[in-house]
């Protein structure tokens, strides 16, 4: 094991597993909270975190994370809409405007996006992807799709069908709840 990895493992917190969390839930959840549903939600939340970490590992060779690729994909897919503002991006990605500013700064420094002042109102800024950014997206997409496929590769074909229905149902529910969609 490489020294840096060994040092990280030695410095990390021990794994607790779900039991302490479930015990804490029993002590602190509202009486009307369905414990089974809360457990499912907890595992869904943890899985979401782990999914992002796994995709980030696959994208690291390109100097990207899922959130940075998400920004570039959004700009690429909406490049015909010349009026995309930072606030529109924040709303679509479901993140704070300060986080969008950081993402835009980071991607602009690499030449993947351009921020331009509106020709009709200098206070407004529009964001667009550059040719270099589009090229990067084209280069990264095959790896991204392979990464996405690998996330559910442990499922048997019958499980894939059922899980696809379930995850899409949860996805649509969350979009409705948040009032935002892809």
Protein backbone atom coordinates (compact mmCIF):
# COMPACT_ATOMS: atom_id res chain seq x y z
CA UNK A 1 0.00 0.00 0.00
CA UNK A 2 1.42 3.43 -0.93
CA UNK A 3 2.53 5.57 2.07
CA UNK A 4 -0.01 8.35 1.43
CA UNK A 5 -2.91 5.90 1.25
CA UNK A 6 -1.70 4.14 4.42
CA UNK A 7 -1.44 7.50 6.25
CA UNK A 8 -4.97 8.41 5.14
CA UNK A 9 -6.36 5.09 6.37
CA UNK A 10 -4.57 5.47 9.71
CA UNK A 11 -5.95 9.01 10.15
CA UNK A 12 -9.53 8.27 9.08
CA UNK A 13 -12.35 7.63 11.50
CA UNK A 14 -13.38 4.03 12.14
CA UNK A 15 -16.41 2.69 10.27
CA UNK A 16 -19.53 2.62 12.38
CA UNK A 17 -21.94 0.84 10.08
CA UNK A 18 -25.64 1.71 10.09
CA UNK A 19 -26.51 0.50 13.61
CA UNK A 20 -25.43 3.58 15.61
CA UNK A 21 -27.30 5.81 13.16
CA UNK A 22 -30.42 3.67 13.42
CA UNK A 23 -30.20 3.71 17.22
CA UNK A 24 -29.88 7.50 17.10
CA UNK A 25 -32.89 7.62 14.79
CA UNK A 26 -34.94 5.61 17.28
CA UNK A 27 -33.98 8.08 20.02
CA UNK A 28 -34.51 11.31 18.08
CA UNK A 29 -37.01 10.83 15.25
CA UNK A 30 -40.54 12.13 15.55
CA UNK A 31 -43.05 9.51 16.69
CA UNK A 32 -44.88 9.66 13.34
CA UNK A 33 -41.68 9.09 11.30
CA UNK A 34 -41.80 5.73 9.57
CA UNK A 35 -38.52 4.09 10.69
CA UNK A 36 -38.37 1.75 7.69
CA UNK A 37 -38.72 4.66 5.26
CA UNK A 38 -36.17 6.71 7.22
CA UNK A 39 -33.71 3.80 6.96
CA UNK A 40 -34.28 3.58 3.19
CA UNK A 41 -33.80 7.34 2.90
CA UNK A 42 -30.58 7.19 4.94
CA UNK A 43 -29.15 4.50 2.68
CA UNK A 44 -30.27 6.46 -0.37
CA UNK A 45 -28.47 9.53 0.96
CA UNK A 46 -25.30 7.57 1.68
CA UNK A 47 -25.49 5.91 -1.72
CA UNK A 48 -25.81 9.31 -3.39
CA UNK A 49 -22.65 10.49 -1.62
CA UNK A 50 -20.79 7.32 -2.60
CA UNK A 51 -21.99 7.55 -6.21
CA UNK A 52 -20.58 11.06 -6.52
CA UNK A 53 -17.27 9.94 -5.00
CA UNK A 54 -17.05 6.97 -7.42
CA UNK A 55 -17.80 9.13 -10.46
CA UNK A 56 -15.30 11.75 -9.26
CA UNK A 57 -12.62 9.04 -9.14
CA UNK A 58 -13.37 8.10 -12.75
CA UNK A 59 -13.27 11.75 -13.88
CA UNK A 60 -10.12 12.66 -11.94
CA UNK A 61 -7.88 11.83 -14.91
CA UNK A 62 -9.50 14.78 -16.73
CA UNK A 63 -9.17 17.15 -13.78
CA UNK A 64 -12.94 17.14 -13.35
CA UNK A 65 -15.50 16.26 -10.74
CA UNK A 66 -19.12 15.34 -11.40
CA UNK A 67 -20.26 18.84 -10.41
CA UNK A 68 -17.82 20.50 -12.84
CA UNK A 69 -18.83 18.14 -15.63
CA UNK A 70 -22.49 18.81 -14.75
CA UNK A 71 -21.90 22.53 -15.36
CA UNK A 72 -20.18 21.87 -18.68
CA UNK A 73 -22.92 19.46 -19.77
CA UNK A 74 -25.60 21.99 -18.88
CA UNK A 75 -23.86 24.67 -20.94
CA UNK A 76 -23.25 22.26 -23.82
CA UNK A 77 -26.85 21.06 -23.91
CA UNK A 78 -28.20 24.62 -23.73
CA UNK A 79 -25.59 26.31 -25.92
CA UNK A 80 -28.29 27.51 -28.33
CA UNK A 81 -29.73 29.55 -25.44
CA UNK A 82 -27.33 32.49 -25.49
CA UNK A 83 -28.81 34.08 -22.39
CA UNK A 84 -27.76 31.61 -19.68
CA UNK A 85 -27.01 33.52 -16.48
CA UNK A 86 -25.17 32.36 -13.35
CA UNK A 87 -28.45 32.47 -11.40
CA UNK A 88 -30.13 30.25 -14.01
CA UNK A 89 -27.25 27.80 -13.67
CA UNK A 90 -27.52 27.82 -9.87
CA UNK A 91 -31.25 27.16 -10.05
CA UNK A 92 -30.86 24.30 -12.54
CA UNK A 93 -27.98 22.64 -10.69
CA UNK A 94 -29.64 23.16 -7.31
CA UNK A 95 -26.67 24.93 -5.75
CA UNK A 96 -25.99 28.32 -4.18
CA UNK A 97 -24.98 31.24 -6.35
CA UNK A 98 -21.64 31.46 -4.51
CA UNK A 99 -20.95 27.85 -5.49
CA UNK A 100 -21.76 28.67 -9.12
CA UNK A 101 -19.33 31.58 -8.99
CA UNK A 102 -16.58 29.23 -7.80
CA UNK A 103 -17.40 26.72 -10.53
CA UNK A 104 -17.45 29.44 -13.17
CA UNK A 105 -14.13 30.88 -11.94
CA UNK A 106 -12.52 27.43 -12.02
CA UNK A 107 -13.80 26.48 -15.49
CA UNK A 108 -13.11 29.94 -16.94
CA UNK A 109 -9.47 29.79 -15.77
CA UNK A 110 -9.10 26.61 -17.84
CA UNK A 111 -10.67 28.19 -20.92
CA UNK A 112 -13.73 25.94 -20.89
CA UNK A 113 -16.34 28.68 -20.43
CA UNK A 114 -16.66 32.39 -21.09
CA UNK A 115 -18.61 34.97 -19.08
CA UNK A 116 -19.78 37.92 -21.13
CA UNK A 117 -21.65 41.07 -20.21
CA UNK A 118 -25.04 41.47 -21.86
CA UNK A 119 -25.03 43.85 -24.80
CA UNK A 120 -28.33 45.34 -23.60
CA UNK A 121 -27.63 45.49 -19.84
CA UNK A 122 -24.02 45.54 -18.65
CA UNK A 123 -25.10 44.41 -15.17
CA UNK A 124 -26.16 41.04 -16.58
CA UNK A 125 -23.65 38.30 -17.29
CA UNK A 126 -24.16 35.42 -19.68
CA UNK A 127 -22.19 32.20 -19.63
CA UNK A 128 -21.35 29.99 -22.57
CA UNK A 129 -19.15 26.99 -23.17
CA UNK A 130 -16.06 27.44 -25.35
CA UNK A 131 -14.89 25.20 -28.15
CA UNK A 132 -12.25 23.80 -25.78
CA UNK A 133 -14.97 23.09 -23.20
CA UNK A 134 -17.12 21.33 -25.79
CA UNK A 135 -14.11 19.30 -26.91
CA UNK A 136 -13.41 18.27 -23.31
CA UNK A 137 -17.04 17.21 -22.81
CA UNK A 138 -16.88 15.06 -25.97
CA UNK A 139 -13.66 13.50 -24.71
CA UNK A 140 -15.00 12.81 -21.21
CA UNK A 141 -18.50 11.55 -22.06
CA UNK A 142 -17.50 7.95 -22.93
CA UNK A 143 -15.77 7.63 -19.54
CA UNK A 144 -18.73 9.27 -17.81
CA UNK A 145 -21.25 6.88 -19.40
CA UNK A 146 -19.06 3.89 -18.47
CA UNK A 147 -18.89 5.21 -14.93
CA UNK A 148 -22.68 5.55 -14.82
CA UNK A 149 -23.10 2.00 -16.15
CA UNK A 150 -20.68 0.62 -13.57
CA UNK A 151 -22.80 1.99 -10.71
CA UNK A 152 -25.55 -0.57 -11.30
CA UNK A 153 -23.45 -3.33 -12.85
CA UNK A 154 -23.89 -5.59 -9.82
CA UNK A 155 -27.63 -5.87 -10.47
CA UNK A 156 -29.09 -8.88 -12.25
CA UNK A 157 -31.17 -8.09 -15.36
CA UNK A 158 -34.47 -8.50 -13.46
CA UNK A 159 -33.19 -6.28 -10.65
CA UNK A 160 -32.15 -3.66 -13.19
CA UNK A 161 -35.73 -3.43 -14.49
CA UNK A 162 -37.21 -3.05 -11.01
CA UNK A 163 -34.49 -0.69 -9.79
CA UNK A 164 -34.85 1.48 -12.90
CA UNK A 165 -38.56 1.95 -12.14
CA UNK A 166 -37.85 2.70 -8.47
CA UNK A 167 -34.98 5.13 -9.01
CA UNK A 168 -36.86 7.00 -11.75
CA UNK A 169 -39.90 7.26 -9.48
CA UNK A 170 -37.76 8.67 -6.65
CA UNK A 171 -36.02 11.02 -9.11
CA UNK A 172 -39.34 12.41 -10.37
CA UNK A 173 -40.62 12.75 -6.81
CA UNK A 174 -37.54 14.78 -5.84
CA UNK A 175 -37.87 17.00 -8.91
CA UNK A 176 -41.50 17.66 -8.01
CA UNK A 177 -40.60 18.33 -4.38
CA UNK A 178 -37.79 20.73 -5.29
CA UNK A 179 -39.59 22.30 -8.23
CA UNK A 180 -36.56 21.84 -10.46
CA UNK A 181 -35.69 19.31 -13.11
CA UNK A 182 -33.06 18.31 -15.58
